[in-house]
């Protein structure tokens, strides 16, 4: 079995879906008996020792806490660390790679929406476009989390399909599970709901997540209800378009924005919702959909990019415009029977996605890189 060095130092500090990918993968690789070394931020070293007790954990220098310093470290110091650790292959799990490592390099490209969503105005977009082009051109193998992402890389970057491996994410069923009443109560209290039912969203608030249309669609769906639920938007930052959408509807509906939620609160937040709505215009995988299903939540999402690969027949679908969201969400809120069907189907579907299976797919990709 090859010795693999995973560069967990690249993971962003916001601890969103990307950190859950790296955490789940590292733990899965360790359980699979991989010969593993993990380089990480110094503050994360003890956590990775707990996640992967058999792995060699290598704390990186303090200076890699901002992007410019990290990228410089990645090009110069990471290859040296990999050789000192006796690695046969380097796995870069976050778009960018060392270009002169002297070792086979595998990169994870999480999505192609930086290229396919023209209204992606984030200042990060140019960096990710450049990093993705470079990684796809120079990495020995490219791992993607869905067939949809593979197909988009081939279409927009003319990527070589023979060097792309699909490895679906898993879900940690110990962390994401049908919540107890106490977990639901605690999450609701943290969001200031005081017993009011709610529709939940969890994720970043960048344009492709389509949160403004969710707000407008939600307002239309509940405007005739005598006791409407709240809409709780968890995660992300407050984008100007989201602020504007809230101002449009704030007189008629309750929109709660608690910001990032603690990991222990996520099962109660997701599983306690009437519906988890995730009307994204494009995803590389859609981990929030899988995690919501694992928590026993009925899920509404879009039939775009990878989302049908994750949701299958276990979720409800809508088009991403506000009118379609209003119709689909209204139908779900009106039918407890349909929500119950989705809860049961989602729980069964979520059990099909494991980090053990993901780890095996990654190990196969590492072996191909060496060969």
Protein backbone atom coordinates (compact mmCIF):
# COMPACT_ATOMS: atom_id res chain seq x y z
CA UNK A 1 0.00 0.00 0.00
CA UNK A 2 1.47 3.43 -0.91
CA UNK A 3 2.38 5.94 1.77
CA UNK A 4 0.15 8.98 1.29
CA UNK A 5 0.69 12.51 2.55
CA UNK A 6 -2.56 14.50 2.81
CA UNK A 7 -2.16 18.29 2.91
CA UNK A 8 -4.85 19.21 5.43
CA UNK A 9 -3.10 22.55 6.03
CA UNK A 10 -4.87 23.81 2.92
CA UNK A 11 -8.33 23.51 4.46
CA UNK A 12 -10.10 26.86 5.05
CA UNK A 13 -10.69 28.02 8.58
CA UNK A 14 -14.48 28.40 8.17
CA UNK A 15 -14.90 24.65 8.81
CA UNK A 16 -17.71 24.20 6.30
CA UNK A 17 -18.33 21.29 3.95
CA UNK A 18 -14.68 21.19 2.82
CA UNK A 19 -13.34 20.55 6.31
CA UNK A 20 -15.96 17.83 6.74
CA UNK A 21 -14.67 16.25 3.53
CA UNK A 22 -11.07 16.22 4.75
CA UNK A 23 -12.03 15.05 8.24
CA UNK A 24 -14.21 12.25 6.90
CA UNK A 25 -11.62 11.18 4.35
CA UNK A 26 -8.69 11.15 6.80
CA UNK A 27 -10.67 9.11 9.31
CA UNK A 28 -11.86 6.75 6.56
CA UNK A 29 -8.33 6.26 5.23
CA UNK A 30 -7.08 5.50 8.72
CA UNK A 31 -9.82 2.92 9.30
CA UNK A 32 -8.97 1.37 5.92
CA UNK A 33 -5.42 0.76 7.14
CA UNK A 34 -3.80 3.34 4.84
CA UNK A 35 -0.15 4.22 5.39
CA UNK A 36 -0.96 7.85 6.08
CA UNK A 37 0.77 11.11 6.98
CA UNK A 38 -1.27 14.29 7.51
CA UNK A 39 0.23 17.76 7.51
CA UNK A 40 -2.07 20.30 9.17
CA UNK A 41 -2.27 23.63 10.92
CA UNK A 42 -0.65 23.49 14.37
CA UNK A 43 -3.97 24.26 16.04
CA UNK A 44 -5.53 21.21 14.36
CA UNK A 45 -2.83 18.64 15.19
CA UNK A 46 -4.50 17.11 18.23
CA UNK A 47 -7.84 16.81 16.45
CA UNK A 48 -6.24 14.93 13.57
CA UNK A 49 -4.46 12.64 16.04
CA UNK A 50 -7.90 11.71 17.37
CA UNK A 51 -9.41 11.32 13.90
CA UNK A 52 -6.55 9.15 12.61
CA UNK A 53 -4.76 7.46 15.53
CA UNK A 54 -2.53 5.36 13.26
CA UNK A 55 -1.42 8.24 11.02
CA UNK A 56 1.71 10.37 11.30
CA UNK A 57 0.51 13.90 12.10
CA UNK A 58 2.86 16.69 11.01
CA UNK A 59 2.05 20.17 12.37
CA UNK A 60 2.87 22.87 9.84
CA UNK A 61 4.44 26.22 10.67
CA UNK A 62 2.38 29.01 12.19
CA UNK A 63 2.98 31.19 9.12
CA UNK A 64 0.59 29.27 6.84
CA UNK A 65 -2.58 30.76 8.27
CA UNK A 66 -3.19 33.14 5.31
CA UNK A 67 -3.49 32.21 1.65
CA UNK A 68 -0.37 33.90 0.29
CA UNK A 69 1.87 32.36 2.93
CA UNK A 70 0.22 28.97 2.55
CA UNK A 71 0.69 28.93 -1.23
CA UNK A 72 4.36 29.84 -0.86
CA UNK A 73 4.76 27.11 1.77
CA UNK A 74 2.93 24.63 -0.47
CA UNK A 75 5.39 25.17 -3.33
CA UNK A 76 8.58 25.10 -1.23
CA UNK A 77 8.17 23.32 2.11
CA UNK A 78 5.41 20.78 1.45
CA UNK A 79 7.46 18.73 -1.06
CA UNK A 80 10.35 18.62 1.43
CA UNK A 81 8.02 17.44 4.22
CA UNK A 82 6.57 14.78 1.91
CA UNK A 83 10.01 13.39 1.13
CA UNK A 84 11.01 13.47 4.81
CA UNK A 85 7.83 11.56 5.64
CA UNK A 86 8.70 8.92 3.03
CA UNK A 87 5.55 9.62 1.02
CA UNK A 88 4.93 7.91 -2.30
CA UNK A 89 2.16 10.30 -3.31
CA UNK A 90 0.84 13.73 -2.22
CA UNK A 91 -2.89 14.39 -1.99
CA UNK A 92 -3.84 18.08 -2.26
CA UNK A 93 -7.52 18.17 -1.21
CA UNK A 94 -8.23 21.82 -2.01
CA UNK A 95 -7.64 22.83 -5.66
CA UNK A 96 -3.98 23.94 -5.60
CA UNK A 97 -0.92 21.67 -5.83
CA UNK A 98 2.87 21.86 -5.47
CA UNK A 99 4.23 22.06 -9.00
CA UNK A 100 7.74 20.68 -8.42
CA UNK A 101 7.36 18.09 -5.71
CA UNK A 102 9.20 15.27 -7.43
CA UNK A 103 6.34 12.98 -6.33
CA UNK A 104 3.07 11.98 -7.99
CA UNK A 105 0.37 14.44 -6.93
CA UNK A 106 -3.37 13.85 -6.68
CA UNK A 107 -5.72 16.83 -6.39
CA UNK A 108 -9.37 17.09 -5.43
CA UNK A 109 -11.36 19.53 -7.57
CA UNK A 110 -14.61 20.03 -5.72
CA UNK A 111 -16.64 21.71 -8.44
CA UNK A 112 -16.50 23.58 -11.73
CA UNK A 113 -18.98 26.31 -10.83
CA UNK A 114 -16.23 28.95 -10.87
CA UNK A 115 -16.40 28.47 -14.65
CA UNK A 116 -20.06 27.57 -15.20
CA UNK A 117 -21.74 30.26 -13.06
CA UNK A 118 -21.05 33.62 -14.78
CA UNK A 119 -22.55 35.61 -11.89
CA UNK A 120 -20.03 34.16 -9.44
CA UNK A 121 -18.65 37.55 -8.45
CA UNK A 122 -16.70 36.45 -5.40
CA UNK A 123 -13.20 37.94 -5.23
CA UNK A 124 -12.01 34.34 -4.75
CA UNK A 125 -13.25 33.31 -8.21
CA UNK A 126 -10.12 34.29 -10.15
CA UNK A 127 -7.89 32.38 -7.73
CA UNK A 128 -9.96 29.21 -7.97
CA UNK A 129 -10.19 29.38 -11.76
CA UNK A 130 -6.42 29.71 -12.03
CA UNK A 131 -5.71 27.04 -9.40
CA UNK A 132 -8.15 24.61 -11.02
CA UNK A 133 -6.68 25.06 -14.50
CA UNK A 134 -3.16 24.52 -13.15
CA UNK A 135 -4.09 21.50 -11.05
CA UNK A 136 -6.04 19.78 -13.82
CA UNK A 137 -3.10 20.30 -16.18
CA UNK A 138 -0.30 19.16 -13.85
CA UNK A 139 -1.70 16.68 -11.28
CA UNK A 140 -1.16 12.98 -12.00
CA UNK A 141 -4.76 12.20 -11.02
CA UNK A 142 -7.78 14.45 -10.42
CA UNK A 143 -10.41 13.33 -7.89
CA UNK A 144 -13.93 14.78 -8.20
CA UNK A 145 -16.93 14.15 -5.93
CA UNK A 146 -19.48 13.48 -8.69
CA UNK A 147 -19.92 12.45 -12.29
CA UNK A 148 -21.43 15.87 -12.97
CA UNK A 149 -18.21 17.59 -11.88
CA UNK A 150 -16.15 15.21 -13.99
CA UNK A 151 -18.27 15.99 -17.04
CA UNK A 152 -18.03 19.75 -16.46
CA UNK A 153 -14.22 19.65 -16.17
CA UNK A 154 -14.06 17.77 -19.45
CA UNK A 155 -16.42 20.27 -21.06
CA UNK A 156 -15.04 23.59 -19.81
CA UNK A 157 -11.33 22.75 -19.43
CA UNK A 158 -10.89 19.92 -21.94
CA UNK A 159 -9.61 17.82 -19.04
CA UNK A 160 -8.32 14.35 -19.86
CA UNK A 161 -11.11 11.95 -18.78
CA UNK A 162 -8.64 9.10 -18.33
CA UNK A 163 -6.99 11.00 -15.44
CA UNK A 164 -10.19 11.80 -13.53
CA UNK A 165 -11.52 9.57 -10.72
CA UNK A 166 -14.98 9.96 -9.16
CA UNK A 167 -15.07 9.47 -5.38
CA UNK A 168 -18.38 10.34 -3.72
CA UNK A 169 -18.28 11.91 -0.27
CA UNK A 170 -19.56 10.03 2.73
CA UNK A 171 -21.51 11.17 5.74
CA UNK A 172 -20.55 10.69 9.39
CA UNK A 173 -23.64 9.02 10.84
CA UNK A 174 -22.34 9.53 14.36
CA UNK A 175 -22.36 13.30 13.83
CA UNK A 176 -25.33 13.54 11.45
CA UNK A 177 -28.22 11.49 12.82
CA UNK A 178 -31.94 11.84 13.57
CA UNK A 179 -31.84 14.16 16.56
CA UNK A 180 -33.33 13.73 20.00
CA UNK A 181 -35.97 16.14 21.26
CA UNK A 182 -33.30 17.77 23.43
CA UNK A 183 -31.02 18.32 20.42
CA UNK A 184 -33.90 19.89 18.49
CA UNK A 185 -34.81 22.12 21.43
CA UNK A 186 -31.20 23.25 21.92
CA UNK A 187 -30.71 24.12 18.26
CA UNK A 188 -34.03 26.00 18.13
CA UNK A 189 -33.11 27.98 21.23
CA UNK A 190 -29.75 28.97 19.72
CA UNK A 191 -31.64 30.29 16.69
CA UNK A 192 -34.10 32.20 18.89
CA UNK A 193 -37.16 30.32 17.59
CA UNK A 194 -38.90 29.65 20.92
CA UNK A 195 -40.89 26.73 19.57
CA UNK A 196 -41.80 28.23 16.19
CA UNK A 197 -41.61 25.70 13.31
CA UNK A 198 -39.09 26.56 10.59
CA UNK A 199 -37.69 25.84 7.17
CA UNK A 200 -33.88 25.51 7.21
CA UNK A 201 -31.06 26.40 4.86
CA UNK A 202 -27.43 25.53 5.64
CA UNK A 203 -24.45 26.60 3.54
CA UNK A 204 -22.44 29.50 2.22
CA UNK A 205 -24.32 32.53 0.92
CA UNK A 206 -22.41 32.93 -2.35
CA UNK A 207 -24.56 33.64 -5.42
CA UNK A 208 -24.92 30.06 -6.71
CA UNK A 209 -26.54 28.96 -3.45
CA UNK A 210 -29.55 31.01 -4.60
CA UNK A 211 -30.54 32.22 -1.14
CA UNK A 212 -32.32 35.42 -2.32
CA UNK A 213 -34.71 33.35 -4.45
CA UNK A 214 -35.23 31.00 -1.52
CA UNK A 215 -36.24 33.96 0.65
CA UNK A 216 -38.66 35.26 -1.99
CA UNK A 217 -40.07 31.80 -2.71
CA UNK A 218 -40.51 31.10 0.99
CA UNK A 219 -42.36 34.39 1.51
CA UNK A 220 -44.77 33.52 -1.32
CA UNK A 221 -45.27 29.97 -0.04
CA UNK A 222 -46.29 31.00 3.48
CA UNK A 223 -48.06 34.33 2.91
CA UNK A 224 -51.55 32.82 3.28
CA UNK A 225 -50.75 30.60 6.26
CA UNK A 226 -52.37 31.60 9.52
CA UNK A 227 -49.28 30.60 11.52
CA UNK A 228 -46.35 30.63 9.07
CA UNK A 229 -43.05 28.98 9.95
CA UNK A 230 -39.81 30.93 10.08
CA UNK A 231 -37.01 30.64 7.53
CA UNK A 232 -33.64 30.04 9.20
CA UNK A 233 -30.54 30.68 7.07
CA UNK A 234 -27.58 29.02 8.76
CA UNK A 235 -23.96 29.53 7.76
CA UNK A 236 -22.14 31.87 5.39
CA UNK A 237 -21.73 35.62 5.44
CA UNK A 238 -24.29 38.34 4.87
CA UNK A 239 -24.18 39.07 1.15
CA UNK A 240 -25.76 42.27 -0.18
CA UNK A 241 -28.30 40.36 -2.33
CA UNK A 242 -29.42 38.38 0.70
CA UNK A 243 -29.84 41.60 2.68
CA UNK A 244 -31.92 43.07 -0.14
CA UNK A 245 -34.17 40.01 -0.36
CA UNK A 246 -34.74 40.12 3.39
CA UNK A 247 -35.76 43.77 3.18
CA UNK A 248 -38.32 42.87 0.51
CA UNK A 249 -40.13 40.39 2.73
CA UNK A 250 -39.29 41.26 6.32
CA UNK A 251 -42.68 42.85 6.98
CA UNK A 252 -44.56 39.62 6.23
CA UNK A 253 -42.29 36.73 7.23
CA UNK A 254 -39.70 35.87 9.85
CA UNK A 255 -36.19 35.30 8.48
CA UNK A 256 -33.61 34.28 11.08
CA UNK A 257 -29.88 34.48 10.30
CA UNK A 258 -27.85 32.89 13.10
CA UNK A 259 -24.61 32.69 11.09
CA UNK A 260 -22.36 29.67 11.47
CA UNK A 261 -23.77 26.99 13.74
CA UNK A 262 -21.71 24.79 16.03
CA UNK A 263 -21.18 21.23 14.82
CA UNK A 264 -23.07 19.71 17.80
CA UNK A 265 -26.12 21.82 16.88
CA UNK A 266 -26.36 20.66 13.25
CA UNK A 267 -28.37 17.43 13.78
CA UNK A 268 -30.98 19.30 15.81
CA UNK A 269 -31.06 22.19 13.35
CA UNK A 270 -31.43 20.01 10.25
CA UNK A 271 -33.51 17.21 11.71
CA UNK A 272 -35.83 19.60 13.53
CA UNK A 273 -36.81 21.50 10.37
CA UNK A 274 -40.12 21.06 8.57
CA UNK A 275 -38.08 21.12 5.35
CA UNK A 276 -34.41 21.68 4.58
CA UNK A 277 -34.33 23.82 1.41
CA UNK A 278 -31.17 23.87 -0.68
CA UNK A 279 -32.13 25.40 -4.06
CA UNK A 280 -28.58 25.74 -5.39
CA UNK A 281 -27.93 26.45 -9.07
CA UNK A 282 -24.92 24.16 -9.08
CA UNK A 283 -22.86 21.97 -6.75
CA UNK A 284 -19.79 19.80 -7.04
CA UNK A 285 -21.45 17.36 -4.66
CA UNK A 286 -23.99 18.92 -2.28
CA UNK A 287 -22.88 17.66 1.14
CA UNK A 288 -25.58 19.66 3.00
CA UNK A 289 -28.24 17.64 1.14
CA UNK A 290 -26.67 14.35 2.23
CA UNK A 291 -26.22 15.53 5.81
CA UNK A 292 -29.82 16.74 6.00
CA UNK A 293 -31.07 13.36 4.76
CA UNK A 294 -28.93 11.61 7.38
CA UNK A 295 -30.61 13.75 10.05
CA UNK A 296 -34.06 12.63 8.90
CA UNK A 297 -35.05 15.91 7.28
CA UNK A 298 -37.28 16.15 4.20
CA UNK A 299 -35.15 17.94 1.59
CA UNK A 300 -36.04 20.27 -1.28
CA UNK A 301 -33.27 20.91 -3.81
CA UNK A 302 -32.80 21.50 -7.53
CA UNK A 303 -32.27 19.07 -10.38
CA UNK A 304 -28.96 20.75 -11.23
CA UNK A 305 -25.41 19.40 -11.64
CA UNK A 306 -24.57 16.77 -8.99
CA UNK A 307 -27.61 17.18 -6.76
CA UNK A 308 -29.68 14.37 -8.36
CA UNK A 309 -26.68 12.04 -7.91
CA UNK A 310 -26.87 12.69 -4.18
CA UNK A 311 -30.62 13.00 -3.64
CA UNK A 312 -31.89 10.41 -6.11
CA UNK A 313 -35.58 9.73 -5.52
CA UNK A 314 -35.27 10.55 -1.81
CA UNK A 315 -35.66 14.34 -2.12
CA UNK A 316 -38.12 16.78 -3.69
CA UNK A 317 -36.99 18.98 -6.58
CA UNK A 318 -37.67 22.49 -7.78
CA UNK A 319 -36.41 24.83 -10.45
CA UNK A 320 -34.22 27.58 -8.94
CA UNK A 321 -36.53 30.55 -9.66
CA UNK A 322 -38.55 32.02 -6.81
CA UNK A 323 -41.93 31.04 -8.28
CA UNK A 324 -40.98 27.38 -8.61
CA UNK A 325 -39.52 27.36 -5.10
CA UNK A 326 -42.75 28.84 -3.75
CA UNK A 327 -44.85 26.15 -5.43
CA UNK A 328 -42.66 23.19 -4.42
CA UNK A 329 -42.13 24.43 -0.87
CA UNK A 330 -45.84 25.19 -0.45
CA UNK A 331 -46.72 21.64 -1.50
CA UNK A 332 -44.32 20.16 1.03
CA UNK A 333 -45.51 22.37 3.87
CA UNK A 334 -49.11 21.36 3.09
CA UNK A 335 -48.44 17.60 3.18
CA UNK A 336 -47.10 15.96 6.33
CA UNK A 337 -47.48 12.61 4.57
CA UNK A 338 -45.12 13.66 1.76
CA UNK A 339 -42.61 15.03 4.26
CA UNK A 340 -42.69 11.74 6.17
CA UNK A 341 -42.09 9.79 2.95
CA UNK A 342 -39.05 11.95 2.20
CA UNK A 343 -37.74 11.52 5.74
CA UNK A 344 -37.81 7.74 5.45
CA UNK A 345 -36.38 7.69 1.93
CA UNK A 346 -33.66 10.18 2.83
CA UNK A 347 -32.46 8.15 5.81
CA UNK A 348 -32.15 5.05 3.63
CA UNK A 349 -30.41 6.98 0.87
CA UNK A 350 -27.89 8.58 3.24
CA UNK A 351 -26.71 5.17 4.44
CA UNK A 352 -25.45 4.44 0.90
CA UNK A 353 -22.75 7.13 1.18
CA UNK A 354 -19.92 6.09 3.52
CA UNK A 355 -16.45 7.47 4.15
CA UNK A 356 -15.17 3.88 3.98
CA UNK A 357 -16.29 3.63 0.34
CA UNK A 358 -14.88 7.09 -0.37
CA UNK A 359 -11.54 6.13 1.19
CA UNK A 360 -11.32 3.02 -1.00
CA UNK A 361 -11.96 5.13 -4.12
CA UNK A 362 -9.23 7.56 -3.04
CA UNK A 363 -6.77 4.72 -2.39
CA UNK A 364 -7.40 3.40 -5.89
CA UNK A 365 -6.68 6.86 -7.30
CA UNK A 366 -3.42 7.11 -5.32
CA UNK A 367 -2.34 3.75 -6.71
CA UNK A 368 -3.13 4.84 -10.28
CA UNK A 369 -1.07 8.01 -9.73
CA UNK A 370 1.96 5.95 -8.74
CA UNK A 371 1.53 3.48 -11.58
